[in-house]
Amino acid sequence: MPGGDGTIVRVRSWARDASLDSVRDEFRIDAVTGRVISADRYADKTFGERVLAGVLDIHRGAILGWPGKLAFMLAAATMPLFTVTGYLLYLSRRRHRRLAQRPPIGHLVPGE
C-alpha cells in the first residue's frame, strides 16, 4: 500500500450478484492506519443517486443485458449513415432551389 501521511486508498467492491457496474460500494481508507474514512454504499443511495450512478450503464446498453448491448452497438454502427443521408438531403435541397429559380421557358397565350 502507498505510504505517507494523508495518503488515502480508494477501494471499490461489487456484489457477486451485481448485474451492473454502477452497483458498487466505495470505501476510502487511510493507508497508514487502515481506518475507514468514508463508506459510500449503493444500498444507502437515494433513488436519484442510483439513477445518476446508472447513466453510463444506460448509455452502454448494459441495463438490458447482452441484447441491449447488441442493440446499442448496432445503433452506433449505423450512425455514419446519418452523415450520408444528411449530405444527400442537402444536395437535393440545393438542386431543387436552383430549379425553382430558373425563369419559365415560354409563355402561354390564351386561345393558342
PDB file of N, CA and C in Angstrom:
ATOM      1  N   MET A   1       0.844  -1.179   0.000  1.00  0.00           N
ATOM      2  CA  MET A   1       0.000   0.000   0.000  1.00  0.00           C
ATOM      3  C   MET A   1       0.887   1.239   0.000  1.00  0.00           C
ATOM      4  N   PRO A   2       0.449   2.283  -0.662  1.00  0.00           N
ATOM      5  CA  PRO A   2       1.234   3.514  -0.644  1.00  0.00           C
ATOM      6  C   PRO A   2       1.293   4.073   0.772  1.00  0.00           C
ATOM      7  N   GLY A   3       2.413   4.658   1.110  1.00  0.00           N
ATOM      8  CA  GLY A   3       2.577   5.167   2.461  1.00  0.00           C
ATOM      9  C   GLY A   3       2.651   6.668   2.483  1.00  0.00           C
ATOM     10  N   GLY A   4       2.819   7.197   3.668  1.00  0.00           N
ATOM     11  CA  GLY A   4       2.924   8.638   3.835  1.00  0.00           C
ATOM     12  C   GLY A   4       1.686   9.193   4.492  1.00  0.00           C
ATOM     13  N   ASP A   5       1.889  10.297   5.180  1.00  0.00           N
ATOM     14  CA  ASP A   5       0.756  10.932   5.864  1.00  0.00           C
ATOM     15  C   ASP A   5      -0.245  11.476   4.854  1.00  0.00           C
ATOM     16  N   GLY A   6      -1.502  11.295   5.144  1.00  0.00           N
ATOM     17  CA  GLY A   6      -2.563  11.821   4.297  1.00  0.00           C
ATOM     18  C   GLY A   6      -2.853  10.995   3.069  1.00  0.00           C
ATOM     19  N   THR A   7      -2.218   9.850   2.903  1.00  0.00           N
ATOM     20  CA  THR A   7      -2.481   9.009   1.741  1.00  0.00           C
ATOM     21  C   THR A   7      -3.774   8.241   1.967  1.00  0.00           C
ATOM     22  N   ILE A   8      -4.656   8.374   1.007  1.00  0.00           N
ATOM     23  CA  ILE A   8      -5.962   7.713   1.101  1.00  0.00           C
ATOM     24  C   ILE A   8      -6.079   6.722  -0.054  1.00  0.00           C
ATOM     25  N   VAL A   9      -6.512   5.529   0.275  1.00  0.00           N
ATOM     26  CA  VAL A   9      -6.707   4.478  -0.721  1.00  0.00           C
ATOM     27  C   VAL A   9      -8.204   4.325  -0.945  1.00  0.00           C
ATOM     28  N   ARG A  10      -8.583   4.283  -2.222  1.00  0.00           N
ATOM     29  CA  ARG A  10      -9.994   4.100  -2.564  1.00  0.00           C
ATOM     30  C   ARG A  10     -10.202   2.659  -3.003  1.00  0.00           C
ATOM     31  N   VAL A  11     -11.160   1.987  -2.388  1.00  0.00           N
ATOM     32  CA  VAL A  11     -11.461   0.594  -2.693  1.00  0.00           C
ATOM     33  C   VAL A  11     -12.909   0.515  -3.161  1.00  0.00           C
ATOM     34  N   ARG A  12     -13.090  -0.097  -4.317  1.00  0.00           N
ATOM     35  CA  ARG A  12     -14.450  -0.313  -4.840  1.00  0.00           C
ATOM     36  C   ARG A  12     -14.742  -1.801  -4.800  1.00  0.00           C
ATOM     37  N   SER A  13     -15.965  -2.121  -4.432  1.00  0.00           N
ATOM     38  CA  SER A  13     -16.346  -3.536  -4.380  1.00  0.00           C
ATOM     39  C   SER A  13     -17.719  -3.720  -5.019  1.00  0.00           C
ATOM     40  N   TRP A  14     -17.863  -4.817  -5.704  1.00  0.00           N
ATOM     41  CA  TRP A  14     -19.119  -5.177  -6.336  1.00  0.00           C
ATOM     42  C   TRP A  14     -19.631  -6.456  -5.696  1.00  0.00           C
ATOM     43  N   ALA A  15     -20.932  -6.548  -5.533  1.00  0.00           N
ATOM     44  CA  ALA A  15     -21.539  -7.779  -5.023  1.00  0.00           C
ATOM     45  C   ALA A  15     -21.441  -8.861  -6.097  1.00  0.00           C
ATOM     46  N   ARG A  16     -21.415 -10.097  -5.676  1.00  0.00           N
ATOM     47  CA  ARG A  16     -21.295 -11.194  -6.651  1.00  0.00           C
ATOM     48  C   ARG A  16     -22.485 -11.257  -7.600  1.00  0.00           C
ATOM     49  N   ASP A  17     -23.646 -10.877  -7.109  1.00  0.00           N
ATOM     50  CA  ASP A  17     -24.848 -10.943  -7.941  1.00  0.00           C
ATOM     51  C   ASP A  17     -25.165  -9.614  -8.628  1.00  0.00           C
ATOM     52  N   ALA A  18     -24.258  -8.645  -8.593  1.00  0.00           N
ATOM     53  CA  ALA A  18     -24.489  -7.343  -9.224  1.00  0.00           C
ATOM     54  C   ALA A  18     -24.466  -7.497 -10.743  1.00  0.00           C
ATOM     55  N   SER A  19     -25.524  -7.031 -11.386  1.00  0.00           N
ATOM     56  CA  SER A  19     -25.606  -7.160 -12.841  1.00  0.00           C
ATOM     57  C   SER A  19     -25.022  -5.950 -13.557  1.00  0.00           C
ATOM     58  N   LEU A  20     -24.873  -4.828 -12.870  1.00  0.00           N
ATOM     59  CA  LEU A  20     -24.364  -3.607 -13.487  1.00  0.00           C
ATOM     60  C   LEU A  20     -23.102  -3.135 -12.784  1.00  0.00           C
ATOM     61  N   ASP A  21     -22.266  -2.420 -13.522  1.00  0.00           N
ATOM     62  CA  ASP A  21     -21.041  -1.890 -12.943  1.00  0.00           C
ATOM     63  C   ASP A  21     -21.316  -0.773 -11.943  1.00  0.00           C
ATOM     64  N   SER A  22     -22.445  -0.087 -12.100  1.00  0.00           N
ATOM     65  CA  SER A  22     -22.739   1.040 -11.208  1.00  0.00           C
ATOM     66  C   SER A  22     -23.207   0.584  -9.826  1.00  0.00           C
ATOM     67  N   VAL A  23     -23.553  -0.677  -9.674  1.00  0.00           N
ATOM     68  CA  VAL A  23     -23.996  -1.201  -8.376  1.00  0.00           C
ATOM     69  C   VAL A  23     -22.748  -1.604  -7.597  1.00  0.00           C
ATOM     70  N   ARG A  24     -22.130  -0.609  -6.974  1.00  0.00           N
ATOM     71  CA  ARG A  24     -20.878  -0.862  -6.259  1.00  0.00           C
ATOM     72  C   ARG A  24     -20.827  -0.034  -4.988  1.00  0.00           C
ATOM     73  N   ASP A  25     -20.037  -0.524  -4.066  1.00  0.00           N
ATOM     74  CA  ASP A  25     -19.748   0.197  -2.827  1.00  0.00           C
ATOM     75  C   ASP A  25     -18.337   0.754  -2.936  1.00  0.00           C
ATOM     76  N   GLU A  26     -18.127   1.921  -2.351  1.00  0.00           N
ATOM     77  CA  GLU A  26     -16.807   2.542  -2.411  1.00  0.00           C
ATOM     78  C   GLU A  26     -16.379   2.946  -0.997  1.00  0.00           C
ATOM     79  N   PHE A  27     -15.169   2.574  -0.658  1.00  0.00           N
ATOM     80  CA  PHE A  27     -14.615   2.877   0.665  1.00  0.00           C
ATOM     81  C   PHE A  27     -13.325   3.662   0.487  1.00  0.00           C
ATOM     82  N   ARG A  28     -13.108   4.629   1.367  1.00  0.00           N
ATOM     83  CA  ARG A  28     -11.849   5.380   1.413  1.00  0.00           C
ATOM     84  C   ARG A  28     -11.174   5.026   2.734  1.00  0.00           C
ATOM     85  N   ILE A  29      -9.937   4.550   2.608  1.00  0.00           N
ATOM     86  CA  ILE A  29      -9.214   4.016   3.768  1.00  0.00           C
ATOM     87  C   ILE A  29      -7.894   4.769   3.908  1.00  0.00           C
ATOM     88  N   ASP A  30      -7.562   5.148   5.142  1.00  0.00           N
ATOM     89  CA  ASP A  30      -6.277   5.774   5.423  1.00  0.00           C
ATOM     90  C   ASP A  30      -5.195   4.709   5.254  1.00  0.00           C
ATOM     91  N   ALA A  31      -4.197   4.977   4.406  1.00  0.00           N
ATOM     92  CA  ALA A  31      -3.177   3.979   4.081  1.00  0.00           C
ATOM     93  C   ALA A  31      -2.247   3.702   5.253  1.00  0.00           C
ATOM     94  N   VAL A  32      -2.094   4.647   6.153  1.00  0.00           N
ATOM     95  CA  VAL A  32      -1.165   4.465   7.266  1.00  0.00           C
ATOM     96  C   VAL A  32      -1.809   3.688   8.408  1.00  0.00           C
ATOM     97  N   THR A  33      -3.010   4.105   8.807  1.00  0.00           N
ATOM     98  CA  THR A  33      -3.649   3.486   9.969  1.00  0.00           C
ATOM     99  C   THR A  33      -4.587   2.354   9.604  1.00  0.00           C
ATOM    100  N   GLY A  34      -5.098   2.330   8.367  1.00  0.00           N
ATOM    101  CA  GLY A  34      -6.070   1.314   7.969  1.00  0.00           C
ATOM    102  C   GLY A  34      -7.483   1.647   8.407  1.00  0.00           C
ATOM    103  N   ARG A  35      -7.689   2.853   8.893  1.00  0.00           N
ATOM    104  CA  ARG A  35      -9.011   3.284   9.365  1.00  0.00           C
ATOM    105  C   ARG A  35      -9.879   3.677   8.163  1.00  0.00           C
ATOM    106  N   VAL A  36     -11.141   3.257   8.188  1.00  0.00           N
ATOM    107  CA  VAL A  36     -12.082   3.603   7.125  1.00  0.00           C
ATOM    108  C   VAL A  36     -12.488   5.058   7.322  1.00  0.00           C
ATOM    109  N   ILE A  37     -12.195   5.892   6.340  1.00  0.00           N
ATOM    110  CA  ILE A  37     -12.523   7.315   6.413  1.00  0.00           C
ATOM    111  C   ILE A  37     -13.960   7.552   5.982  1.00  0.00           C
ATOM    112  N   SER A  38     -14.359   6.932   4.882  1.00  0.00           N
ATOM    113  CA  SER A  38     -15.739   7.072   4.421  1.00  0.00           C
ATOM    114  C   SER A  38     -16.165   5.799   3.712  1.00  0.00           C
ATOM    115  N   ALA A  39     -17.457   5.552   3.785  1.00  0.00           N
ATOM    116  CA  ALA A  39     -18.048   4.386   3.117  1.00  0.00           C
ATOM    117  C   ALA A  39     -19.271   4.862   2.340  1.00  0.00           C
ATOM    118  N   ASP A  40     -19.261   4.627   1.053  1.00  0.00           N
ATOM    119  CA  ASP A  40     -20.378   5.008   0.182  1.00  0.00           C
ATOM    120  C   ASP A  40     -21.005   3.716  -0.326  1.00  0.00           C
ATOM    121  N   ARG A  41     -22.073   3.297   0.303  1.00  0.00           N
ATOM    122  CA  ARG A  41     -22.733   2.034  -0.053  1.00  0.00           C
ATOM    123  C   ARG A  41     -23.873   2.294  -1.022  1.00  0.00           C
ATOM    124  N   TYR A  42     -23.996   1.424  -2.001  1.00  0.00           N
ATOM    125  CA  TYR A  42     -25.042   1.567  -3.014  1.00  0.00           C
ATOM    126  C   TYR A  42     -26.424   1.454  -2.376  1.00  0.00           C
ATOM    127  N   ALA A  43     -26.570   0.597  -1.413  1.00  0.00           N
ATOM    128  CA  ALA A  43     -27.869   0.391  -0.765  1.00  0.00           C
ATOM    129  C   ALA A  43     -28.337   1.640  -0.026  1.00  0.00           C
ATOM    130  N   ASP A  44     -27.411   2.509   0.366  1.00  0.00           N
ATOM    131  CA  ASP A  44     -27.773   3.716   1.108  1.00  0.00           C
ATOM    132  C   ASP A  44     -28.112   4.899   0.208  1.00  0.00           C
ATOM    133  N   LYS A  45     -27.954   4.759  -1.084  1.00  0.00           N
ATOM    134  CA  LYS A  45     -28.204   5.870  -2.001  1.00  0.00           C
ATOM    135  C   LYS A  45     -29.697   6.081  -2.202  1.00  0.00           C
ATOM    136  N   THR A  46     -30.064   7.336  -2.476  1.00  0.00           N
ATOM    137  CA  THR A  46     -31.451   7.652  -2.799  1.00  0.00           C
ATOM    138  C   THR A  46     -31.750   7.203  -4.226  1.00  0.00           C
ATOM    139  N   PHE A  47     -33.014   7.267  -4.606  1.00  0.00           N
ATOM    140  CA  PHE A  47     -33.410   6.857  -5.949  1.00  0.00           C
ATOM    141  C   PHE A  47     -32.706   7.708  -7.007  1.00  0.00           C
ATOM    142  N   GLY A  48     -32.649   9.010  -6.797  1.00  0.00           N
ATOM    143  CA  GLY A  48     -31.999   9.900  -7.754  1.00  0.00           C
ATOM    144  C   GLY A  48     -30.517   9.610  -7.894  1.00  0.00           C
ATOM    145  N   GLU A  49     -29.847   9.311  -6.788  1.00  0.00           N
ATOM    146  CA  GLU A  49     -28.419   8.973  -6.844  1.00  0.00           C
ATOM    147  C   GLU A  49     -28.195   7.657  -7.568  1.00  0.00           C
ATOM    148  N   ARG A  50     -29.114   6.731  -7.415  1.00  0.00           N
ATOM    149  CA  ARG A  50     -28.994   5.456  -8.136  1.00  0.00           C
ATOM    150  C   ARG A  50     -29.163   5.653  -9.635  1.00  0.00           C
ATOM    151  N   VAL A  51     -30.100   6.528 -10.018  1.00  0.00           N
ATOM    152  CA  VAL A  51     -30.311   6.812 -11.439  1.00  0.00           C
ATOM    153  C   VAL A  51     -29.072   7.473 -12.021  1.00  0.00           C
ATOM    154  N   LEU A  52     -28.520   8.459 -11.323  1.00  0.00           N
ATOM    155  CA  LEU A  52     -27.311   9.129 -11.809  1.00  0.00           C
ATOM    156  C   LEU A  52     -26.129   8.175 -11.893  1.00  0.00           C
ATOM    157  N   ALA A  53     -26.035   7.242 -10.963  1.00  0.00           N
ATOM    158  CA  ALA A  53     -24.939   6.270 -10.996  1.00  0.00           C
ATOM    159  C   ALA A  53     -25.084   5.328 -12.190  1.00  0.00           C
ATOM    160  N   GLY A  54     -26.299   5.098 -12.640  1.00  0.00           N
ATOM    161  CA  GLY A  54     -26.530   4.159 -13.738  1.00  0.00           C
ATOM    162  C   GLY A  54     -26.588   4.785 -15.113  1.00  0.00           C
ATOM    163  N   VAL A  55     -26.317   6.091 -15.230  1.00  0.00           N
ATOM    164  CA  VAL A  55     -26.410   6.744 -16.541  1.00  0.00           C
ATOM    165  C   VAL A  55     -25.428   6.134 -17.540  1.00  0.00           C
ATOM    166  N   LEU A  56     -24.220   5.866 -17.128  1.00  0.00           N
ATOM    167  CA  LEU A  56     -23.243   5.258 -18.040  1.00  0.00           C
ATOM    168  C   LEU A  56     -23.712   3.874 -18.480  1.00  0.00           C
ATOM    169  N   ASP A  57     -24.285   3.106 -17.559  1.00  0.00           N
ATOM    170  CA  ASP A  57     -24.794   1.778 -17.920  1.00  0.00           C
ATOM    171  C   ASP A  57     -25.932   1.879 -18.927  1.00  0.00           C
ATOM    172  N   ILE A  58     -26.747   2.927 -18.805  1.00  0.00           N
ATOM    173  CA  ILE A  58     -27.843   3.129 -19.754  1.00  0.00           C
ATOM    174  C   ILE A  58     -27.267   3.425 -21.138  1.00  0.00           C
ATOM    175  N   HIS A  59     -26.256   4.295 -21.211  1.00  0.00           N
ATOM    176  CA  HIS A  59     -25.686   4.674 -22.497  1.00  0.00           C
ATOM    177  C   HIS A  59     -24.888   3.543 -23.144  1.00  0.00           C
ATOM    178  N   ARG A  60     -24.407   2.617 -22.370  1.00  0.00           N
ATOM    179  CA  ARG A  60     -23.694   1.470 -22.930  1.00  0.00           C
ATOM    180  C   ARG A  60     -24.643   0.343 -23.291  1.00  0.00           C
ATOM    181  N   GLY A  61     -25.907   0.424 -22.865  1.00  0.00           N
ATOM    182  CA  GLY A  61     -26.864  -0.624 -23.134  1.00  0.00           C
ATOM    183  C   GLY A  61     -26.806  -1.756 -22.131  1.00  0.00           C
ATOM    184  N   ALA A  62     -26.029  -1.602 -21.071  1.00  0.00           N
ATOM    185  CA  ALA A  62     -25.867  -2.672 -20.090  1.00  0.00           C
ATOM    186  C   ALA A  62     -27.121  -2.877 -19.256  1.00  0.00           C
ATOM    187  N   ILE A  63     -28.013  -1.921 -19.264  1.00  0.00           N
ATOM    188  CA  ILE A  63     -29.249  -2.014 -18.486  1.00  0.00           C
ATOM    189  C   ILE A  63     -30.089  -3.206 -18.952  1.00  0.00           C
ATOM    190  N   LEU A  64     -30.046  -3.521 -20.238  1.00  0.00           N
ATOM    191  CA  LEU A  64     -30.880  -4.594 -20.797  1.00  0.00           C
ATOM    192  C   LEU A  64     -30.107  -5.894 -21.011  1.00  0.00           C
ATOM    193  N   GLY A  65     -28.917  -5.990 -20.473  1.00  0.00           N
ATOM    194  CA  GLY A  65     -28.122  -7.204 -20.639  1.00  0.00           C
ATOM    195  C   GLY A  65     -27.466  -7.247 -22.007  1.00  0.00           C
ATOM    196  N   TRP A  66     -27.097  -8.454 -22.460  1.00  0.00           N
ATOM    197  CA  TRP A  66     -26.401  -8.555 -23.743  1.00  0.00           C
ATOM    198  C   TRP A  66     -27.270  -8.154 -24.928  1.00  0.00           C
ATOM    199  N   PRO A  67     -28.613  -8.377 -24.921  1.00  0.00           N
ATOM    200  CA  PRO A  67     -29.402  -7.877 -26.062  1.00  0.00           C
ATOM    201  C   PRO A  67     -29.353  -6.346 -26.158  1.00  0.00           C
ATOM    202  N   GLY A  68     -29.339  -5.677 -25.015  1.00  0.00           N
ATOM    203  CA  GLY A  68     -29.232  -4.221 -25.027  1.00  0.00           C
ATOM    204  C   GLY A  68     -27.895  -3.754 -25.547  1.00  0.00           C
ATOM    205  N   LYS A  69     -26.828  -4.442 -25.156  1.00  0.00           N
ATOM    206  CA  LYS A  69     -25.501  -4.088 -25.665  1.00  0.00           C
ATOM    207  C   LYS A  69     -25.437  -4.279 -27.171  1.00  0.00           C
ATOM    208  N   LEU A  70     -26.046  -5.365 -27.662  1.00  0.00           N
ATOM    209  CA  LEU A  70     -26.072  -5.623 -29.100  1.00  0.00           C
ATOM    210  C   LEU A  70     -26.861  -4.540 -29.825  1.00  0.00           C
ATOM    211  N   ALA A  71     -28.015  -4.156 -29.284  1.00  0.00           N
ATOM    212  CA  ALA A  71     -28.840  -3.113 -29.905  1.00  0.00           C
ATOM    213  C   ALA A  71     -28.106  -1.779 -29.940  1.00  0.00           C
ATOM    214  N   PHE A  72     -27.439  -1.424 -28.857  1.00  0.00           N
ATOM    215  CA  PHE A  72     -26.696  -0.164 -28.821  1.00  0.00           C
ATOM    216  C   PHE A  72     -25.502  -0.209 -29.772  1.00  0.00           C
ATOM    217  N   MET A  73     -24.867  -1.361 -29.914  1.00  0.00           N
ATOM    218  CA  MET A  73     -23.749  -1.490 -30.837  1.00  0.00           C
ATOM    219  C   MET A  73     -24.228  -1.301 -32.276  1.00  0.00           C
ATOM    220  N   LEU A  74     -25.360  -1.917 -32.616  1.00  0.00           N
ATOM    221  CA  LEU A  74     -25.897  -1.768 -33.969  1.00  0.00           C
ATOM    222  C   LEU A  74     -26.324  -0.325 -34.235  1.00  0.00           C
ATOM    223  N   ALA A  75     -26.911   0.322 -33.237  1.00  0.00           N
ATOM    224  CA  ALA A  75     -27.304   1.729 -33.386  1.00  0.00           C
ATOM    225  C   ALA A  75     -26.080   2.607 -33.608  1.00  0.00           C
ATOM    226  N   ALA A  76     -25.021   2.345 -32.875  1.00  0.00           N
ATOM    227  CA  ALA A  76     -23.798   3.132 -33.038  1.00  0.00           C
ATOM    228  C   ALA A  76     -23.158   2.864 -34.397  1.00  0.00           C
ATOM    229  N   ALA A  77     -23.266   1.648 -34.875  1.00  0.00           N
ATOM    230  CA  ALA A  77     -22.675   1.312 -36.175  1.00  0.00           C
ATOM    231  C   ALA A  77     -23.418   1.993 -37.324  1.00  0.00           C
ATOM    232  N   THR A  78     -24.697   2.302 -37.147  1.00  0.00           N
ATOM    233  CA  THR A  78     -25.466   2.953 -38.207  1.00  0.00           C
ATOM    234  C   THR A  78     -25.347   4.481 -38.176  1.00  0.00           C
ATOM    235  N   MET A  79     -24.668   5.041 -37.196  1.00  0.00           N
ATOM    236  CA  MET A  79     -24.539   6.497 -37.101  1.00  0.00           C
ATOM    237  C   MET A  79     -23.888   7.137 -38.333  1.00  0.00           C
ATOM    238  N   PRO A  80     -22.897   6.523 -38.968  1.00  0.00           N
ATOM    239  CA  PRO A  80     -22.348   7.156 -40.183  1.00  0.00           C
ATOM    240  C   PRO A  80     -23.392   7.333 -41.291  1.00  0.00           C
ATOM    241  N   LEU A  81     -24.453   6.526 -41.279  1.00  0.00           N
ATOM    242  CA  LEU A  81     -25.499   6.694 -42.287  1.00  0.00           C
ATOM    243  C   LEU A  81     -26.195   8.036 -42.149  1.00  0.00           C
ATOM    244  N   PHE A  82     -26.262   8.576 -40.937  1.00  0.00           N
ATOM    245  CA  PHE A  82     -26.869   9.893 -40.745  1.00  0.00           C
ATOM    246  C   PHE A  82     -26.058  10.962 -41.473  1.00  0.00           C
ATOM    247  N   THR A  83     -24.766  10.829 -41.504  1.00  0.00           N
ATOM    248  CA  THR A  83     -23.927  11.772 -42.226  1.00  0.00           C
ATOM    249  C   THR A  83     -24.206  11.687 -43.720  1.00  0.00           C
ATOM    250  N   VAL A  84     -24.282  10.481 -44.243  1.00  0.00           N
ATOM    251  CA  VAL A  84     -24.514  10.285 -45.678  1.00  0.00           C
ATOM    252  C   VAL A  84     -25.897  10.797 -46.067  1.00  0.00           C
ATOM    253  N   THR A  85     -26.935  10.423 -45.328  1.00  0.00           N
ATOM    254  CA  THR A  85     -28.286  10.868 -45.681  1.00  0.00           C
ATOM    255  C   THR A  85     -28.432  12.375 -45.513  1.00  0.00           C
ATOM    256  N   GLY A  86     -27.796  12.942 -44.518  1.00  0.00           N
ATOM    257  CA  GLY A  86     -27.851  14.393 -44.342  1.00  0.00           C
ATOM    258  C   GLY A  86     -27.211  15.118 -45.512  1.00  0.00           C
ATOM    259  N   TYR A  87     -26.082  14.622 -45.975  1.00  0.00           N
ATOM    260  CA  TYR A  87     -25.406  15.227 -47.122  1.00  0.00           C
ATOM    261  C   TYR A  87     -26.254  15.091 -48.388  1.00  0.00           C
ATOM    262  N   LEU A  88     -26.882  13.940 -48.592  1.00  0.00           N
ATOM    263  CA  LEU A  88     -27.738  13.751 -49.769  1.00  0.00           C
ATOM    264  C   LEU A  88     -28.955  14.668 -49.719  1.00  0.00           C
ATOM    265  N   LEU A  89     -29.547  14.852 -48.550  1.00  0.00           N
ATOM    266  CA  LEU A  89     -30.677  15.779 -48.425  1.00  0.00           C
ATOM    267  C   LEU A  89     -30.241  17.212 -48.711  1.00  0.00           C
ATOM    268  N   TYR A  90     -29.059  17.586 -48.265  1.00  0.00           N
ATOM    269  CA  TYR A  90     -28.528  18.927 -48.530  1.00  0.00           C
ATOM    270  C   TYR A  90     -28.361  19.146 -50.033  1.00  0.00           C
ATOM    271  N   LEU A  91     -27.769  18.179 -50.728  1.00  0.00           N
ATOM    272  CA  LEU A  91     -27.588  18.309 -52.173  1.00  0.00           C
ATOM    273  C   LEU A  91     -28.928  18.365 -52.902  1.00  0.00           C
ATOM    274  N   SER A  92     -29.894  17.588 -52.452  1.00  0.00           N
ATOM    275  CA  SER A  92     -31.219  17.592 -53.064  1.00  0.00           C
ATOM    276  C   SER A  92     -31.888  18.950 -52.888  1.00  0.00           C
ATOM    277  N   ARG A  93     -31.778  19.552 -51.717  1.00  0.00           N
ATOM    278  CA  ARG A  93     -32.366  20.877 -51.478  1.00  0.00           C
ATOM    279  C   ARG A  93     -31.720  21.925 -52.395  1.00  0.00           C
ATOM    280  N   ARG A  94     -30.417  21.846 -52.543  1.00  0.00           N
ATOM    281  CA  ARG A  94     -29.724  22.813 -53.410  1.00  0.00           C
ATOM    282  C   ARG A  94     -30.204  22.678 -54.849  1.00  0.00           C
ATOM    283  N   ARG A  95     -30.365  21.435 -55.324  1.00  0.00           N
ATOM    284  CA  ARG A  95     -30.791  21.214 -56.705  1.00  0.00           C
ATOM    285  C   ARG A  95     -32.211  21.737 -56.923  1.00  0.00           C
ATOM    286  N   HIS A  96     -33.106  21.466 -55.979  1.00  0.00           N
ATOM    287  CA  HIS A  96     -34.490  21.919 -56.118  1.00  0.00           C
ATOM    288  C   HIS A  96     -34.584  23.440 -56.044  1.00  0.00           C
ATOM    289  N   ARG A  97     -33.767  24.059 -55.206  1.00  0.00           N
ATOM    290  CA  ARG A  97     -33.766  25.513 -55.087  1.00  0.00           C
ATOM    291  C   ARG A  97     -33.266  26.140 -56.395  1.00  0.00           C
ATOM    292  N   ARG A  98     -32.257  25.531 -57.011  1.00  0.00           N
ATOM    293  CA  ARG A  98     -31.715  26.043 -58.274  1.00  0.00           C
ATOM    294  C   ARG A  98     -32.766  25.919 -59.388  1.00  0.00           C
ATOM    295  N   LEU A  99     -33.502  24.799 -59.438  1.00  0.00           N
ATOM    296  CA  LEU A  99     -34.540  24.619 -60.456  1.00  0.00           C
ATOM    297  C   LEU A  99     -35.693  25.589 -60.263  1.00  0.00           C
ATOM    298  N   ALA A 100     -36.010  25.937 -59.020  1.00  0.00           N
ATOM    299  CA  ALA A 100     -37.119  26.847 -58.747  1.00  0.00           C
ATOM    300  C   ALA A 100     -36.770  28.277 -59.135  1.00  0.00           C
ATOM    301  N   GLN A 101     -35.501  28.635 -59.198  1.00  0.00           N
ATOM    302  CA  GLN A 101     -35.092  29.997 -59.520  1.00  0.00           C
ATOM    303  C   GLN A 101     -34.968  30.233 -61.022  1.00  0.00           C
ATOM    304  N   ARG A 102     -35.073  29.196 -61.844  1.00  0.00           N
ATOM    305  CA  ARG A 102     -34.987  29.370 -63.300  1.00  0.00           C
ATOM    306  C   ARG A 102     -36.213  30.128 -63.816  1.00  0.00           C
ATOM    307  N   PRO A 103     -36.018  30.980 -64.826  1.00  0.00           N
ATOM    308  CA  PRO A 103     -37.189  31.653 -65.414  1.00  0.00           C
ATOM    309  C   PRO A 103     -38.007  30.645 -66.236  1.00  0.00           C
ATOM    310  N   PRO A 104     -39.295  30.887 -66.362  1.00  0.00           N
ATOM    311  CA  PRO A 104     -40.113  29.971 -67.151  1.00  0.00           C
ATOM    312  C   PRO A 104     -39.653  29.945 -68.611  1.00  0.00           C
ATOM    313  N   ILE A 105     -39.821  28.805 -69.246  1.00  0.00           N
ATOM    314  CA  ILE A 105     -39.317  28.607 -70.604  1.00  0.00           C
ATOM    315  C   ILE A 105     -40.119  29.420 -71.634  1.00  0.00           C
ATOM    316  N   GLY A 106     -41.375  29.399 -71.541  1.00  0.00           N
ATOM    317  CA  GLY A 106     -42.194  30.133 -72.516  1.00  0.00           C
ATOM    318  C   GLY A 106     -43.463  30.628 -71.868  1.00  0.00           C
ATOM    319  N   HIS A 107     -44.181  31.468 -72.586  1.00  0.00           N
ATOM    320  CA  HIS A 107     -45.440  31.991 -72.069  1.00  0.00           C
ATOM    321  C   HIS A 107     -46.586  31.358 -72.853  1.00  0.00           C
ATOM    322  N   LEU A 108     -47.622  31.037 -72.165  1.00  0.00           N
ATOM    323  CA  LEU A 108     -48.820  30.542 -72.841  1.00  0.00           C
ATOM    324  C   LEU A 108     -49.748  31.720 -73.125  1.00  0.00           C
ATOM    325  N   VAL A 109     -50.246  31.752 -74.315  1.00  0.00           N
ATOM    326  CA  VAL A 109     -51.157  32.827 -74.714  1.00  0.00           C
ATOM    327  C   VAL A 109     -52.538  32.218 -74.771  1.00  0.00           C
ATOM    328  N   PRO A 110     -53.507  32.893 -74.173  1.00  0.00           N
ATOM    329  CA  PRO A 110     -54.854  32.303 -74.212  1.00  0.00           C
ATOM    330  C   PRO A 110     -55.343  32.138 -75.653  1.00  0.00           C
ATOM    331  N   GLY A 111     -55.952  31.026 -75.942  1.00  0.00           N
ATOM    332  CA  GLY A 111     -56.516  30.739 -77.254  1.00  0.00           C
ATOM    333  C   GLY A 111     -55.555  29.993 -78.158  1.00  0.00           C
ATOM    334  N   GLU A 112     -54.337  29.771 -77.754  1.00  0.00           N
ATOM    335  CA  GLU A 112     -53.414  29.069 -78.634  1.00  0.00           C
ATOM    336  C   GLU A 112     -53.435  27.603 -78.364  1.00  0.00           C
TER     337      GLU A 112
END
